[in-house]
């Protein structure tokens, strides 16, 4: 099975120029992009000016993902075959 980016690369790049639409795609495709384990702990909640905000369950997860930020950026951008994000920030979920 080919990744979605190989099937719809040009179309996906056009559609995801709008941050809100790109976020919808990121939320839906997140487990495929980063893997189920990471997707269970960190969820995309905002995208603004190529900065992706992830909701995490604890400060410890936020610190861990800060260390993995570049890797996440590379994975997302490789999935899209396009520079969709430039930075990842983490926000600890309430409750």
Protein backbone atom coordinates (compact mmCIF):
# COMPACT_ATOMS: atom_id res chain seq x y z
CA UNK A 1 0.00 0.00 0.00
CA UNK A 2 1.39 3.39 -1.00
CA UNK A 3 1.29 6.30 1.45
CA UNK A 4 -1.38 8.92 0.86
CA UNK A 5 1.23 11.49 -0.08
CA UNK A 6 2.29 9.50 -3.14
CA UNK A 7 -1.30 9.33 -4.36
CA UNK A 8 -2.45 12.87 -3.70
CA UNK A 9 0.73 14.90 -3.15
CA UNK A 10 -0.10 17.94 -5.29
CA UNK A 11 -3.72 18.06 -4.22
CA UNK A 12 -2.81 17.64 -0.55
CA UNK A 13 -0.30 20.49 -0.74
CA UNK A 14 -2.94 22.81 -2.21
CA UNK A 15 -5.64 21.86 0.30
CA UNK A 16 -3.37 22.09 3.33
CA UNK A 17 -2.32 25.67 2.65
CA UNK A 18 -5.20 26.55 4.98
CA UNK A 19 -4.07 25.80 8.56
CA UNK A 20 -7.49 24.62 9.73
CA UNK A 21 -7.90 22.19 6.84
CA UNK A 22 -4.33 20.96 7.32
CA UNK A 23 -5.06 20.37 11.01
CA UNK A 24 -8.08 18.23 10.14
CA UNK A 25 -5.88 16.06 7.91
CA UNK A 26 -3.16 15.89 10.57
CA UNK A 27 -5.62 14.74 13.24
CA UNK A 28 -7.01 12.01 10.99
CA UNK A 29 -3.64 10.81 9.69
CA UNK A 30 -1.63 11.32 12.88
CA UNK A 31 -1.28 7.61 13.85
CA UNK A 32 0.02 6.82 10.35
CA UNK A 33 2.52 9.67 10.51
CA UNK A 34 3.99 9.15 14.00
CA UNK A 35 2.86 5.64 14.95
CA UNK A 36 0.10 4.43 17.25
CA UNK A 37 2.13 4.66 20.50
CA UNK A 38 3.06 8.29 20.09
CA UNK A 39 -0.36 9.15 18.68
CA UNK A 40 -1.99 7.80 21.85
CA UNK A 41 -0.04 10.29 23.96
CA UNK A 42 0.30 13.37 21.74
CA UNK A 43 -2.53 14.78 19.66
CA UNK A 44 -2.47 17.68 17.21
CA UNK A 45 -4.71 20.48 18.49
CA UNK A 46 -3.59 23.58 16.60
CA UNK A 47 -1.65 24.64 13.54
CA UNK A 48 -0.74 28.27 13.09
CA UNK A 49 1.89 29.68 10.75
CA UNK A 50 3.52 26.24 10.39
CA UNK A 51 3.76 25.70 14.17
CA UNK A 52 2.03 22.50 15.24
CA UNK A 53 0.73 22.38 18.82
CA UNK A 54 0.37 18.96 20.40
CA UNK A 55 -1.73 18.14 23.44
CA UNK A 56 0.19 15.87 25.83
CA UNK A 57 -0.85 14.19 29.11
CA UNK A 58 2.02 15.49 31.26
CA UNK A 59 4.99 17.83 31.49
CA UNK A 60 7.26 14.79 31.16
CA UNK A 61 5.68 13.92 27.79
CA UNK A 62 6.05 17.53 26.74
CA UNK A 63 9.75 17.45 27.55
CA UNK A 64 10.20 14.15 25.71
CA UNK A 65 8.46 15.49 22.62
CA UNK A 66 10.45 18.70 22.74
CA UNK A 67 13.52 16.51 22.32
CA UNK A 68 11.82 14.70 19.40
CA UNK A 69 10.55 17.91 17.80
CA UNK A 70 12.85 17.83 14.79
CA UNK A 71 12.04 14.18 14.17
CA UNK A 72 8.32 14.90 14.26
CA UNK A 73 8.74 17.84 11.88
CA UNK A 74 10.68 15.62 9.48
CA UNK A 75 8.06 12.84 9.65
CA UNK A 76 5.16 15.20 9.02
CA UNK A 77 6.90 16.97 6.16
CA UNK A 78 8.09 13.70 4.61
CA UNK A 79 4.55 12.32 4.79
CA UNK A 80 3.29 15.36 2.91
CA UNK A 81 6.33 15.65 0.62
CA UNK A 82 5.97 19.31 1.52
CA UNK A 83 7.14 21.60 4.32
CA UNK A 84 3.84 21.72 6.20
CA UNK A 85 5.32 22.48 9.64
CA UNK A 86 8.54 24.04 10.89
CA UNK A 87 8.17 23.61 14.65
CA UNK A 88 6.34 21.55 17.27
CA UNK A 89 5.11 22.92 20.60
CA UNK A 90 3.49 20.95 23.42
CA UNK A 91 0.63 21.88 25.69
CA UNK A 92 -0.26 19.77 28.75
CA UNK A 93 -3.89 18.63 28.75
CA UNK A 94 -6.04 19.76 31.63
CA UNK A 95 -7.29 17.01 33.91
